[in-house]
Amino acid sequence: MPVSAQTMASMIDHTNLKAEASRDDILRLCSEASLHRFKTVCVNPSRVSLAAGALAGSGVEVCTVIGFPLGAATAAVKAAEAREALLNGAMEVDMVINLGVLKDGNEESVFRDVRGVVEAALAVKKEAVVKVIIETCLLNDREKETACLICERAGAGFIKTSTGMSSAGAAVEDIRLIKKTVSPVTGIKASGGIKTLGQALSMIEAGATRIGTSSGVQIINNLHGLKK
């Protein structure tokens, strides 16, 4: 299925979550996102205010990560982190699920963890979007399905595959599994290791509705047939 450059750009969360990312790195990320009209920039929480100021009036929104990358913070800490990020200018938050608790079989605790972030986000901005990272490479298929259903029930807007910080990133087969599991109104974000146009297109073909990548500029240039 052909995808236009405009459509592709509108699906990209242009990402820099490196611990060493400087102020100039974040401003460059924002400039690129504004130029190419990406959906969001995804930055660490301490850089939300900087990104929000740089992107004011551009139409590009700010996304940040919560409980990142392990997901092992308490539910209260995650909710507070989400609340602060939204007050600082974020519109979307990508939280990491508590994987250990999921593997314990404690579905209610996982639900409360996600629901706490959803409620905190919506209390600040009713248009806020919560994406939940389930770190697919660390789960079996049954656990992935369970995680998806819990997140959807808790009010998550998206299921996201990966942090990009674990043993593997996004996989086409996981996108297909998520698509089969959740309702059509729930978005699917493929993230982790997506560096080429071909990879991005394969994720979209499988059912992804958002792409998280640090290679957004290269992907758009390749879609235009340019060399970069």
N, C-alpha and C. Protein backbone atom coordinates (compact mmCIF):
# COMPACT_ATOMS: atom_id res chain seq x y z
N MET A 1 0.85 -1.20 0.00
CA MET A 1 0.00 0.00 0.00
C MET A 1 0.88 1.24 0.00
N PRO A 2 0.78 2.10 -1.00
CA PRO A 2 1.61 3.31 -1.06
C PRO A 2 1.31 4.25 0.10
N VAL A 3 2.35 4.88 0.62
CA VAL A 3 2.22 5.85 1.71
C VAL A 3 2.91 7.13 1.27
N SER A 4 2.19 8.25 1.31
CA SER A 4 2.79 9.52 0.91
C SER A 4 3.73 10.01 2.00
N ALA A 5 4.62 10.92 1.62
CA ALA A 5 5.56 11.49 2.59
C ALA A 5 4.80 12.23 3.69
N GLN A 6 3.72 12.91 3.32
CA GLN A 6 2.93 13.64 4.31
C GLN A 6 2.30 12.69 5.33
N THR A 7 1.76 11.58 4.82
CA THR A 7 1.15 10.60 5.72
C THR A 7 2.20 9.97 6.61
N MET A 8 3.33 9.60 6.03
CA MET A 8 4.39 9.00 6.83
C MET A 8 4.85 9.96 7.93
N ALA A 9 5.08 11.20 7.57
CA ALA A 9 5.54 12.17 8.56
C ALA A 9 4.55 12.31 9.71
N SER A 10 3.27 12.27 9.38
CA SER A 10 2.23 12.44 10.41
C SER A 10 2.13 11.24 11.34
N MET A 11 2.85 10.16 11.01
CA MET A 11 2.84 8.95 11.84
C MET A 11 4.13 8.80 12.66
N ILE A 12 5.07 9.71 12.50
CA ILE A 12 6.38 9.56 13.13
C ILE A 12 6.50 10.35 14.42
N ASP A 13 6.94 9.65 15.48
CA ASP A 13 7.40 10.30 16.71
C ASP A 13 8.92 10.39 16.57
N HIS A 14 9.42 11.59 16.27
CA HIS A 14 10.84 11.82 16.02
C HIS A 14 11.56 11.81 17.37
N THR A 15 12.45 10.86 17.57
CA THR A 15 12.87 10.48 18.92
C THR A 15 14.35 10.69 19.19
N ASN A 16 14.63 11.26 20.38
CA ASN A 16 15.98 11.23 20.93
C ASN A 16 15.86 11.03 22.44
N LEU A 17 16.10 9.80 22.88
CA LEU A 17 16.02 9.45 24.30
C LEU A 17 17.39 9.09 24.86
N LYS A 18 18.43 9.52 24.17
CA LYS A 18 19.79 9.24 24.65
C LYS A 18 20.05 10.01 25.94
N ALA A 19 20.68 9.34 26.88
CA ALA A 19 21.00 9.98 28.16
C ALA A 19 21.90 11.20 27.97
N GLU A 20 22.76 11.14 26.95
CA GLU A 20 23.73 12.22 26.74
C GLU A 20 23.23 13.31 25.80
N ALA A 21 21.98 13.26 25.38
CA ALA A 21 21.45 14.27 24.45
C ALA A 21 21.55 15.67 25.06
N SER A 22 22.22 16.55 24.35
CA SER A 22 22.42 17.91 24.84
C SER A 22 21.26 18.81 24.45
N ARG A 23 21.30 20.03 24.96
CA ARG A 23 20.30 21.02 24.58
C ARG A 23 20.29 21.22 23.07
N ASP A 24 21.47 21.32 22.48
CA ASP A 24 21.55 21.50 21.02
C ASP A 24 20.98 20.31 20.27
N ASP A 25 21.20 19.11 20.80
CA ASP A 25 20.64 17.91 20.17
C ASP A 25 19.11 17.98 20.16
N ILE A 26 18.53 18.40 21.26
CA ILE A 26 17.07 18.47 21.35
C ILE A 26 16.53 19.57 20.45
N LEU A 27 17.20 20.69 20.40
CA LEU A 27 16.75 21.77 19.51
C LEU A 27 16.86 21.36 18.05
N ARG A 28 17.88 20.60 17.71
CA ARG A 28 18.01 20.08 16.35
C ARG A 28 16.87 19.11 16.04
N LEU A 29 16.55 18.26 16.98
CA LEU A 29 15.44 17.32 16.82
C LEU A 29 14.14 18.08 16.55
N CYS A 30 13.92 19.15 17.30
CA CYS A 30 12.70 19.95 17.14
C CYS A 30 12.68 20.66 15.79
N SER A 31 13.82 21.18 15.37
CA SER A 31 13.91 21.85 14.07
C SER A 31 13.59 20.88 12.94
N GLU A 32 14.13 19.67 13.02
CA GLU A 32 13.85 18.65 12.01
C GLU A 32 12.37 18.27 12.01
N ALA A 33 11.81 18.13 13.20
CA ALA A 33 10.39 17.76 13.30
C ALA A 33 9.49 18.84 12.72
N SER A 34 9.83 20.09 12.97
CA SER A 34 9.05 21.20 12.43
C SER A 34 9.17 21.26 10.92
N LEU A 35 10.37 21.06 10.39
CA LEU A 35 10.59 21.10 8.95
C LEU A 35 9.81 20.00 8.23
N HIS A 36 9.84 18.80 8.78
CA HIS A 36 9.21 17.66 8.12
C HIS A 36 7.78 17.41 8.58
N ARG A 37 7.33 18.18 9.57
CA ARG A 37 5.96 18.10 10.09
C ARG A 37 5.66 16.71 10.64
N PHE A 38 6.59 16.23 11.47
CA PHE A 38 6.36 14.98 12.17
C PHE A 38 5.24 15.15 13.20
N LYS A 39 4.66 14.04 13.63
CA LYS A 39 3.58 14.10 14.61
C LYS A 39 4.06 14.67 15.93
N THR A 40 5.15 14.10 16.46
CA THR A 40 5.70 14.58 17.73
C THR A 40 7.22 14.49 17.71
N VAL A 41 7.82 15.12 18.70
CA VAL A 41 9.17 14.75 19.11
C VAL A 41 9.01 13.98 20.41
N CYS A 42 9.82 12.95 20.59
CA CYS A 42 9.78 12.16 21.82
C CYS A 42 11.11 12.36 22.53
N VAL A 43 11.03 12.96 23.71
CA VAL A 43 12.23 13.33 24.47
C VAL A 43 12.07 12.88 25.92
N ASN A 44 13.16 12.86 26.64
CA ASN A 44 13.10 12.54 28.06
C ASN A 44 12.37 13.63 28.85
N PRO A 45 11.81 13.30 30.00
CA PRO A 45 10.99 14.28 30.74
C PRO A 45 11.69 15.59 31.05
N SER A 46 12.99 15.55 31.33
CA SER A 46 13.70 16.78 31.67
C SER A 46 13.84 17.73 30.50
N ARG A 47 13.55 17.25 29.28
CA ARG A 47 13.66 18.07 28.07
C ARG A 47 12.30 18.51 27.52
N VAL A 48 11.23 18.18 28.23
CA VAL A 48 9.89 18.52 27.72
C VAL A 48 9.71 20.02 27.59
N SER A 49 10.05 20.78 28.60
CA SER A 49 9.86 22.24 28.55
C SER A 49 10.64 22.86 27.40
N LEU A 50 11.87 22.42 27.22
CA LEU A 50 12.71 22.94 26.13
C LEU A 50 12.06 22.65 24.78
N ALA A 51 11.62 21.41 24.60
CA ALA A 51 11.00 21.03 23.32
C ALA A 51 9.69 21.76 23.09
N ALA A 52 8.89 21.90 24.13
CA ALA A 52 7.61 22.59 24.00
C ALA A 52 7.81 24.04 23.59
N GLY A 53 8.82 24.69 24.16
CA GLY A 53 9.10 26.07 23.79
C GLY A 53 9.59 26.18 22.36
N ALA A 54 10.46 25.25 21.96
CA ALA A 54 11.01 25.28 20.60
C ALA A 54 9.95 25.02 19.54
N LEU A 55 8.93 24.24 19.90
CA LEU A 55 7.92 23.82 18.91
C LEU A 55 6.63 24.64 18.98
N ALA A 56 6.59 25.64 19.83
CA ALA A 56 5.38 26.44 19.99
C ALA A 56 4.93 27.00 18.64
N GLY A 57 3.68 26.75 18.29
CA GLY A 57 3.12 27.26 17.04
C GLY A 57 3.45 26.45 15.81
N SER A 58 4.23 25.39 15.95
CA SER A 58 4.66 24.60 14.79
C SER A 58 3.65 23.53 14.37
N GLY A 59 2.76 23.16 15.27
CA GLY A 59 1.85 22.05 15.00
C GLY A 59 2.41 20.70 15.40
N VAL A 60 3.69 20.65 15.77
CA VAL A 60 4.31 19.41 16.23
C VAL A 60 4.16 19.34 17.75
N GLU A 61 3.72 18.20 18.25
CA GLU A 61 3.50 18.04 19.68
C GLU A 61 4.70 17.39 20.35
N VAL A 62 4.69 17.43 21.68
CA VAL A 62 5.77 16.85 22.47
C VAL A 62 5.28 15.58 23.15
N CYS A 63 6.07 14.54 22.99
CA CYS A 63 5.83 13.25 23.65
C CYS A 63 7.00 13.00 24.61
N THR A 64 6.72 12.33 25.70
CA THR A 64 7.80 11.95 26.61
C THR A 64 7.56 10.55 27.14
N VAL A 65 8.53 10.05 27.89
CA VAL A 65 8.47 8.69 28.40
C VAL A 65 8.31 8.69 29.92
N ILE A 66 7.57 7.71 30.41
CA ILE A 66 7.25 7.62 31.83
C ILE A 66 7.66 6.24 32.35
N GLY A 67 8.33 6.22 33.50
CA GLY A 67 8.80 4.94 34.04
C GLY A 67 9.80 4.26 33.13
N PHE A 68 10.57 5.04 32.43
CA PHE A 68 11.42 4.57 31.34
C PHE A 68 12.84 4.30 31.84
N PRO A 69 13.50 3.25 31.41
CA PRO A 69 13.04 2.24 30.46
C PRO A 69 12.53 0.93 31.08
N LEU A 70 12.60 0.80 32.41
CA LEU A 70 12.32 -0.49 33.04
C LEU A 70 10.86 -0.70 33.41
N GLY A 71 10.13 0.38 33.67
CA GLY A 71 8.73 0.24 34.07
C GLY A 71 8.55 -0.19 35.51
N ALA A 72 9.62 -0.18 36.29
CA ALA A 72 9.58 -0.76 37.63
C ALA A 72 9.32 0.27 38.73
N ALA A 73 9.11 1.53 38.38
CA ALA A 73 8.74 2.53 39.38
C ALA A 73 7.34 2.24 39.90
N THR A 74 7.02 2.79 41.06
CA THR A 74 5.68 2.58 41.61
C THR A 74 4.64 3.33 40.77
N ALA A 75 3.40 2.90 40.91
CA ALA A 75 2.32 3.53 40.17
C ALA A 75 2.20 5.01 40.51
N ALA A 76 2.39 5.35 41.78
CA ALA A 76 2.28 6.76 42.20
C ALA A 76 3.36 7.62 41.56
N VAL A 77 4.55 7.08 41.47
CA VAL A 77 5.66 7.82 40.85
C VAL A 77 5.39 8.03 39.36
N LYS A 78 4.90 7.00 38.69
CA LYS A 78 4.59 7.14 37.26
C LYS A 78 3.50 8.18 37.04
N ALA A 79 2.47 8.15 37.85
CA ALA A 79 1.39 9.13 37.71
C ALA A 79 1.91 10.55 37.92
N ALA A 80 2.76 10.73 38.93
CA ALA A 80 3.32 12.06 39.20
C ALA A 80 4.21 12.52 38.06
N GLU A 81 4.98 11.59 37.51
CA GLU A 81 5.87 11.92 36.39
C GLU A 81 5.05 12.35 35.17
N ALA A 82 3.96 11.64 34.92
CA ALA A 82 3.10 11.99 33.79
C ALA A 82 2.45 13.36 34.00
N ARG A 83 1.99 13.60 35.21
CA ARG A 83 1.34 14.88 35.51
C ARG A 83 2.31 16.05 35.28
N GLU A 84 3.52 15.93 35.79
CA GLU A 84 4.51 16.99 35.61
C GLU A 84 4.85 17.21 34.15
N ALA A 85 4.99 16.11 33.40
CA ALA A 85 5.33 16.23 31.98
C ALA A 85 4.26 16.99 31.21
N LEU A 86 3.02 16.69 31.49
CA LEU A 86 1.93 17.38 30.80
C LEU A 86 1.85 18.84 31.20
N LEU A 87 2.08 19.13 32.46
CA LEU A 87 2.11 20.53 32.90
C LEU A 87 3.26 21.29 32.26
N ASN A 88 4.33 20.58 31.93
CA ASN A 88 5.51 21.20 31.30
C ASN A 88 5.37 21.34 29.79
N GLY A 89 4.30 20.81 29.21
CA GLY A 89 4.07 21.02 27.78
C GLY A 89 3.92 19.78 26.94
N ALA A 90 4.05 18.58 27.52
CA ALA A 90 3.84 17.36 26.74
C ALA A 90 2.35 17.20 26.43
N MET A 91 2.07 16.52 25.33
CA MET A 91 0.69 16.17 24.98
C MET A 91 0.51 14.65 24.99
N GLU A 92 1.62 13.92 24.81
CA GLU A 92 1.56 12.47 24.78
C GLU A 92 2.61 11.91 25.74
N VAL A 93 2.25 10.81 26.42
CA VAL A 93 3.20 10.14 27.30
C VAL A 93 3.24 8.66 26.96
N ASP A 94 4.46 8.12 26.90
CA ASP A 94 4.68 6.70 26.60
C ASP A 94 5.19 6.05 27.88
N MET A 95 4.30 5.36 28.59
CA MET A 95 4.69 4.74 29.86
C MET A 95 5.09 3.29 29.65
N VAL A 96 5.99 2.82 30.50
CA VAL A 96 6.42 1.42 30.44
C VAL A 96 5.62 0.61 31.45
N ILE A 97 5.04 -0.49 30.99
CA ILE A 97 4.26 -1.37 31.85
C ILE A 97 5.18 -2.01 32.89
N ASN A 98 4.61 -2.41 34.02
CA ASN A 98 5.38 -3.12 35.04
C ASN A 98 5.46 -4.60 34.65
N LEU A 99 6.53 -4.96 34.00
CA LEU A 99 6.68 -6.29 33.42
C LEU A 99 6.75 -7.39 34.48
N GLY A 100 7.44 -7.13 35.57
CA GLY A 100 7.56 -8.14 36.61
C GLY A 100 6.21 -8.47 37.23
N VAL A 101 5.42 -7.43 37.47
CA VAL A 101 4.09 -7.65 38.05
C VAL A 101 3.18 -8.38 37.07
N LEU A 102 3.31 -8.05 35.79
CA LEU A 102 2.55 -8.79 34.77
C LEU A 102 2.91 -10.26 34.80
N LYS A 103 4.20 -10.57 34.88
CA LYS A 103 4.64 -11.96 34.90
C LYS A 103 4.24 -12.66 36.20
N ASP A 104 4.02 -11.90 37.26
CA ASP A 104 3.47 -12.48 38.49
C ASP A 104 2.04 -12.94 38.32
N GLY A 105 1.38 -12.44 37.27
CA GLY A 105 -0.03 -12.74 37.07
C GLY A 105 -0.96 -11.79 37.80
N ASN A 106 -0.41 -10.69 38.32
CA ASN A 106 -1.22 -9.73 39.08
C ASN A 106 -1.81 -8.70 38.12
N GLU A 107 -2.84 -9.10 37.41
CA GLU A 107 -3.43 -8.24 36.38
C GLU A 107 -4.04 -6.97 36.96
N GLU A 108 -4.58 -7.06 38.16
CA GLU A 108 -5.21 -5.88 38.75
C GLU A 108 -4.18 -4.80 39.07
N SER A 109 -3.01 -5.20 39.53
CA SER A 109 -1.95 -4.22 39.79
C SER A 109 -1.47 -3.57 38.50
N VAL A 110 -1.37 -4.36 37.44
CA VAL A 110 -0.97 -3.80 36.15
C VAL A 110 -2.03 -2.80 35.68
N PHE A 111 -3.29 -3.16 35.84
CA PHE A 111 -4.37 -2.26 35.47
C PHE A 111 -4.28 -0.94 36.24
N ARG A 112 -4.08 -1.02 37.55
CA ARG A 112 -4.01 0.20 38.37
C ARG A 112 -2.82 1.06 37.97
N ASP A 113 -1.72 0.42 37.62
CA ASP A 113 -0.51 1.13 37.19
C ASP A 113 -0.80 1.97 35.94
N VAL A 114 -1.42 1.34 34.95
CA VAL A 114 -1.74 2.05 33.71
C VAL A 114 -2.85 3.06 33.93
N ARG A 115 -3.87 2.66 34.65
CA ARG A 115 -5.01 3.56 34.87
C ARG A 115 -4.59 4.82 35.63
N GLY A 116 -3.65 4.66 36.54
CA GLY A 116 -3.17 5.82 37.29
C GLY A 116 -2.55 6.87 36.39
N VAL A 117 -1.78 6.42 35.41
CA VAL A 117 -1.17 7.36 34.47
C VAL A 117 -2.23 7.97 33.56
N VAL A 118 -3.17 7.16 33.09
CA VAL A 118 -4.25 7.68 32.24
C VAL A 118 -5.04 8.76 32.98
N GLU A 119 -5.42 8.49 34.22
CA GLU A 119 -6.21 9.45 34.98
C GLU A 119 -5.42 10.73 35.26
N ALA A 120 -4.13 10.58 35.59
CA ALA A 120 -3.29 11.74 35.84
C ALA A 120 -3.15 12.60 34.59
N ALA A 121 -2.97 11.94 33.46
CA ALA A 121 -2.80 12.68 32.20
C ALA A 121 -4.07 13.42 31.83
N LEU A 122 -5.20 12.74 31.89
CA LEU A 122 -6.46 13.36 31.48
C LEU A 122 -6.90 14.46 32.44
N ALA A 123 -6.46 14.38 33.69
CA ALA A 123 -6.80 15.43 34.65
C ALA A 123 -6.10 16.75 34.31
N VAL A 124 -4.94 16.63 33.65
CA VAL A 124 -4.21 17.84 33.25
C VAL A 124 -4.68 18.33 31.88
N LYS A 125 -4.80 17.40 30.93
CA LYS A 125 -5.22 17.74 29.57
C LYS A 125 -6.17 16.66 29.06
N LYS A 126 -7.38 17.05 28.78
CA LYS A 126 -8.36 16.04 28.35
C LYS A 126 -8.02 15.45 26.99
N GLU A 127 -7.15 16.12 26.21
CA GLU A 127 -6.75 15.60 24.90
C GLU A 127 -5.47 14.76 24.99
N ALA A 128 -4.94 14.58 26.20
CA ALA A 128 -3.68 13.85 26.36
C ALA A 128 -3.82 12.41 25.83
N VAL A 129 -2.72 11.91 25.31
CA VAL A 129 -2.67 10.55 24.78
C VAL A 129 -1.67 9.74 25.60
N VAL A 130 -2.11 8.58 26.06
CA VAL A 130 -1.23 7.67 26.79
C VAL A 130 -0.95 6.45 25.93
N LYS A 131 0.33 6.20 25.69
CA LYS A 131 0.75 4.99 25.00
C LYS A 131 1.44 4.10 26.05
N VAL A 132 1.20 2.81 25.98
CA VAL A 132 1.80 1.91 26.96
C VAL A 132 2.78 0.97 26.27
N ILE A 133 4.03 1.01 26.73
CA ILE A 133 5.09 0.18 26.19
C ILE A 133 5.05 -1.18 26.90
N ILE A 134 4.82 -2.24 26.14
CA ILE A 134 4.72 -3.56 26.76
C ILE A 134 6.00 -4.39 26.62
N GLU A 135 7.00 -3.86 25.98
CA GLU A 135 8.32 -4.50 25.79
C GLU A 135 8.15 -5.94 25.32
N THR A 136 7.69 -6.07 24.09
CA THR A 136 7.30 -7.36 23.52
C THR A 136 8.40 -8.42 23.57
N CYS A 137 9.64 -8.00 23.45
CA CYS A 137 10.73 -8.99 23.41
C CYS A 137 10.88 -9.76 24.72
N LEU A 138 10.29 -9.26 25.80
CA LEU A 138 10.40 -9.91 27.10
C LEU A 138 9.15 -10.70 27.48
N LEU A 139 8.18 -10.76 26.58
CA LEU A 139 6.91 -11.44 26.86
C LEU A 139 6.66 -12.56 25.87
N ASN A 140 5.95 -13.61 26.32
CA ASN A 140 5.46 -14.60 25.38
C ASN A 140 4.14 -14.11 24.79
N ASP A 141 3.61 -14.82 23.82
CA ASP A 141 2.43 -14.32 23.12
C ASP A 141 1.23 -14.17 24.05
N ARG A 142 1.06 -15.09 24.96
CA ARG A 142 -0.06 -14.99 25.90
C ARG A 142 0.08 -13.74 26.77
N GLU A 143 1.28 -13.48 27.24
CA GLU A 143 1.52 -12.29 28.06
C GLU A 143 1.30 -11.01 27.26
N LYS A 144 1.69 -11.03 26.00
CA LYS A 144 1.46 -9.86 25.14
C LYS A 144 -0.04 -9.59 25.01
N GLU A 145 -0.81 -10.63 24.76
CA GLU A 145 -2.26 -10.47 24.62
C GLU A 145 -2.88 -9.96 25.92
N THR A 146 -2.45 -10.52 27.03
CA THR A 146 -2.96 -10.08 28.33
C THR A 146 -2.64 -8.62 28.57
N ALA A 147 -1.39 -8.25 28.30
CA ALA A 147 -0.98 -6.86 28.50
C ALA A 147 -1.80 -5.91 27.64
N CYS A 148 -2.01 -6.27 26.39
CA CYS A 148 -2.80 -5.42 25.49
C CYS A 148 -4.21 -5.21 26.02
N LEU A 149 -4.84 -6.28 26.46
CA LEU A 149 -6.22 -6.18 26.94
C LEU A 149 -6.32 -5.36 28.22
N ILE A 150 -5.35 -5.52 29.11
CA ILE A 150 -5.33 -4.72 30.33
C ILE A 150 -5.17 -3.24 29.99
N CYS A 151 -4.23 -2.93 29.12
CA CYS A 151 -3.95 -1.54 28.76
C CYS A 151 -5.16 -0.90 28.09
N GLU A 152 -5.81 -1.64 27.23
CA GLU A 152 -7.00 -1.12 26.56
C GLU A 152 -8.11 -0.85 27.57
N ARG A 153 -8.30 -1.79 28.49
CA ARG A 153 -9.33 -1.61 29.52
C ARG A 153 -9.04 -0.43 30.43
N ALA A 154 -7.75 -0.15 30.63
CA ALA A 154 -7.35 0.96 31.49
C ALA A 154 -7.44 2.32 30.80
N GLY A 155 -7.72 2.33 29.50
CA GLY A 155 -7.90 3.58 28.79
C GLY A 155 -6.72 4.06 27.97
N ALA A 156 -5.75 3.18 27.75
CA ALA A 156 -4.60 3.57 26.92
C ALA A 156 -5.04 3.85 25.50
N GLY A 157 -4.45 4.87 24.89
CA GLY A 157 -4.77 5.20 23.51
C GLY A 157 -4.00 4.37 22.51
N PHE A 158 -2.82 3.90 22.92
CA PHE A 158 -1.94 3.12 22.05
C PHE A 158 -1.29 2.00 22.84
N ILE A 159 -0.99 0.92 22.15
CA ILE A 159 -0.05 -0.08 22.64
C ILE A 159 1.24 0.12 21.86
N LYS A 160 2.35 0.20 22.57
CA LYS A 160 3.66 0.43 21.95
C LYS A 160 4.54 -0.79 22.19
N THR A 161 5.28 -1.20 21.17
CA THR A 161 6.01 -2.46 21.25
C THR A 161 7.18 -2.44 22.22
N SER A 162 8.00 -1.38 22.18
CA SER A 162 9.34 -1.51 22.77
C SER A 162 9.88 -0.18 23.27
N THR A 163 10.82 -0.27 24.22
CA THR A 163 11.57 0.91 24.64
C THR A 163 12.73 1.20 23.71
N GLY A 164 13.20 0.18 23.01
CA GLY A 164 14.42 0.31 22.23
C GLY A 164 15.66 0.14 23.08
N MET A 165 15.47 -0.18 24.36
CA MET A 165 16.59 -0.30 25.30
C MET A 165 16.77 -1.74 25.79
N SER A 166 15.96 -2.67 25.29
CA SER A 166 16.03 -4.05 25.76
C SER A 166 16.70 -4.93 24.71
N SER A 167 16.42 -6.22 24.73
CA SER A 167 17.15 -7.18 23.90
C SER A 167 16.73 -7.15 22.44
N ALA A 168 15.58 -6.58 22.14
CA ALA A 168 15.12 -6.46 20.75
C ALA A 168 14.08 -5.36 20.68
N GLY A 169 13.79 -4.93 19.45
CA GLY A 169 12.82 -3.87 19.25
C GLY A 169 11.55 -4.37 18.59
N ALA A 170 11.00 -3.53 17.73
CA ALA A 170 9.73 -3.85 17.08
C ALA A 170 9.89 -5.02 16.12
N ALA A 171 8.86 -5.86 16.06
CA ALA A 171 8.83 -6.99 15.14
C ALA A 171 7.47 -7.03 14.46
N VAL A 172 7.47 -7.32 13.17
CA VAL A 172 6.23 -7.35 12.40
C VAL A 172 5.22 -8.31 13.00
N GLU A 173 5.69 -9.48 13.45
CA GLU A 173 4.77 -10.46 13.99
C GLU A 173 4.08 -9.96 15.27
N ASP A 174 4.78 -9.12 16.03
CA ASP A 174 4.16 -8.55 17.23
C ASP A 174 3.11 -7.50 16.87
N ILE A 175 3.38 -6.73 15.84
CA ILE A 175 2.38 -5.77 15.38
C ILE A 175 1.10 -6.50 14.96
N ARG A 176 1.27 -7.59 14.25
CA ARG A 176 0.10 -8.38 13.82
C ARG A 176 -0.67 -8.94 15.02
N LEU A 177 0.07 -9.44 16.01
CA LEU A 177 -0.58 -9.99 17.19
C LEU A 177 -1.35 -8.90 17.94
N ILE A 178 -0.73 -7.74 18.10
CA ILE A 178 -1.40 -6.64 18.80
C ILE A 178 -2.66 -6.22 18.04
N LYS A 179 -2.55 -6.13 16.74
CA LYS A 179 -3.70 -5.73 15.93
C LYS A 179 -4.86 -6.70 16.10
N LYS A 180 -4.54 -7.99 16.17
CA LYS A 180 -5.58 -9.01 16.34
C LYS A 180 -6.22 -8.93 17.73
N THR A 181 -5.46 -8.42 18.69
CA THR A 181 -5.89 -8.46 20.09
C THR A 181 -6.73 -7.25 20.49
N VAL A 182 -6.35 -6.06 20.03
CA VAL A 182 -7.02 -4.84 20.48
C VAL A 182 -8.12 -4.44 19.50
N SER A 183 -8.97 -3.54 19.95
CA SER A 183 -10.04 -3.03 19.10
C SER A 183 -9.47 -2.03 18.10
N PRO A 184 -10.20 -1.75 17.02
CA PRO A 184 -9.70 -0.83 16.00
C PRO A 184 -9.45 0.59 16.49
N VAL A 185 -10.05 0.98 17.60
CA VAL A 185 -9.88 2.35 18.08
C VAL A 185 -8.56 2.53 18.83
N THR A 186 -7.91 1.45 19.20
CA THR A 186 -6.64 1.53 19.91
C THR A 186 -5.49 1.58 18.92
N GLY A 187 -4.64 2.59 19.06
CA GLY A 187 -3.51 2.74 18.16
C GLY A 187 -2.40 1.75 18.49
N ILE A 188 -1.52 1.56 17.52
CA ILE A 188 -0.38 0.66 17.70
C ILE A 188 0.89 1.42 17.29
N LYS A 189 1.81 1.52 18.23
CA LYS A 189 3.08 2.21 17.93
C LYS A 189 4.21 1.19 17.85
N ALA A 190 4.83 1.13 16.69
CA ALA A 190 6.01 0.31 16.49
C ALA A 190 7.24 1.15 16.79
N SER A 191 8.08 0.65 17.67
CA SER A 191 9.24 1.43 18.08
C SER A 191 10.36 0.49 18.49
N GLY A 192 11.59 0.92 18.23
CA GLY A 192 12.75 0.12 18.59
C GLY A 192 13.40 -0.50 17.37
N GLY A 193 14.50 0.08 16.92
CA GLY A 193 15.26 -0.49 15.82
C GLY A 193 14.74 -0.18 14.43
N ILE A 194 13.78 0.74 14.32
CA ILE A 194 13.25 1.08 12.99
C ILE A 194 14.11 2.20 12.41
N LYS A 195 14.92 1.84 11.43
CA LYS A 195 15.90 2.79 10.89
C LYS A 195 15.73 3.06 9.40
N THR A 196 14.95 2.24 8.71
CA THR A 196 14.84 2.38 7.25
C THR A 196 13.39 2.55 6.82
N LEU A 197 13.23 3.05 5.61
CA LEU A 197 11.89 3.19 5.04
C LEU A 197 11.22 1.82 4.93
N GLY A 198 11.96 0.82 4.49
CA GLY A 198 11.40 -0.51 4.35
C GLY A 198 10.86 -1.05 5.66
N GLN A 199 11.61 -0.84 6.73
CA GLN A 199 11.14 -1.30 8.04
C GLN A 199 9.87 -0.57 8.45
N ALA A 200 9.85 0.74 8.25
CA ALA A 200 8.67 1.51 8.63
C ALA A 200 7.45 1.06 7.84
N LEU A 201 7.62 0.86 6.55
CA LEU A 201 6.50 0.44 5.71
C LEU A 201 5.99 -0.95 6.11
N SER A 202 6.91 -1.83 6.48
CA SER A 202 6.48 -3.18 6.88
C SER A 202 5.68 -3.14 8.17
N MET A 203 6.03 -2.24 9.06
CA MET A 203 5.28 -2.08 10.31
C MET A 203 3.88 -1.52 10.04
N ILE A 204 3.81 -0.55 9.16
CA ILE A 204 2.51 0.04 8.82
C ILE A 204 1.63 -0.99 8.13
N GLU A 205 2.21 -1.75 7.22
CA GLU A 205 1.46 -2.80 6.52
C GLU A 205 0.89 -3.82 7.51
N ALA A 206 1.64 -4.10 8.57
CA ALA A 206 1.20 -5.07 9.57
C ALA A 206 0.14 -4.51 10.51
N GLY A 207 0.01 -3.17 10.56
CA GLY A 207 -1.03 -2.59 11.40
C GLY A 207 -0.61 -1.44 12.28
N ALA A 208 0.67 -1.05 12.25
CA ALA A 208 1.11 0.08 13.07
C ALA A 208 0.49 1.38 12.59
N THR A 209 0.09 2.21 13.54
CA THR A 209 -0.48 3.52 13.22
C THR A 209 0.42 4.67 13.66
N ARG A 210 1.53 4.33 14.33
CA ARG A 210 2.53 5.31 14.72
C ARG A 210 3.88 4.62 14.70
N ILE A 211 4.91 5.37 14.32
CA ILE A 211 6.27 4.86 14.24
C ILE A 211 7.16 5.70 15.15
N GLY A 212 7.83 5.04 16.07
CA GLY A 212 8.82 5.73 16.89
C GLY A 212 10.21 5.45 16.35
N THR A 213 10.94 6.50 16.02
CA THR A 213 12.25 6.30 15.39
C THR A 213 13.13 7.54 15.55
N SER A 214 14.41 7.30 15.61
CA SER A 214 15.38 8.40 15.58
C SER A 214 15.86 8.66 14.16
N SER A 215 15.32 7.91 13.20
CA SER A 215 15.74 8.00 11.80
C SER A 215 14.64 8.58 10.91
N GLY A 216 13.80 9.42 11.48
CA GLY A 216 12.68 9.97 10.72
C GLY A 216 13.09 10.76 9.50
N VAL A 217 14.15 11.55 9.62
CA VAL A 217 14.60 12.36 8.49
C VAL A 217 15.04 11.46 7.34
N GLN A 218 15.82 10.44 7.66
CA GLN A 218 16.29 9.51 6.63
C GLN A 218 15.10 8.79 5.98
N ILE A 219 14.13 8.39 6.76
CA ILE A 219 12.96 7.69 6.22
C ILE A 219 12.19 8.58 5.26
N ILE A 220 11.96 9.83 5.64
CA ILE A 220 11.23 10.75 4.76
C ILE A 220 12.04 11.05 3.51
N ASN A 221 13.33 11.26 3.66
CA ASN A 221 14.18 11.52 2.48
C ASN A 221 14.16 10.34 1.52
N ASN A 222 14.19 9.13 2.06
CA ASN A 222 14.13 7.94 1.22
C ASN A 222 12.79 7.83 0.51
N LEU A 223 11.75 8.25 1.19
CA LEU A 223 10.42 8.21 0.59
C LEU A 223 10.33 9.20 -0.56
N HIS A 224 11.05 10.30 -0.42
CA HIS A 224 11.11 11.28 -1.51
C HIS A 224 12.08 10.86 -2.62
N GLY A 225 12.82 9.77 -2.38
CA GLY A 225 13.78 9.32 -3.37
C GLY A 225 15.09 10.07 -3.30
N LEU A 226 15.34 10.72 -2.14
CA LEU A 226 16.57 11.47 -1.98
C LEU A 226 17.63 10.60 -1.31
N LYS A 227 18.89 10.98 -1.43
CA LYS A 227 19.97 10.27 -0.78
C LYS A 227 20.43 11.10 0.40
N LYS A 228 20.60 10.41 1.52
CA LYS A 228 21.02 11.13 2.74
C LYS A 228 21.97 10.24 3.52
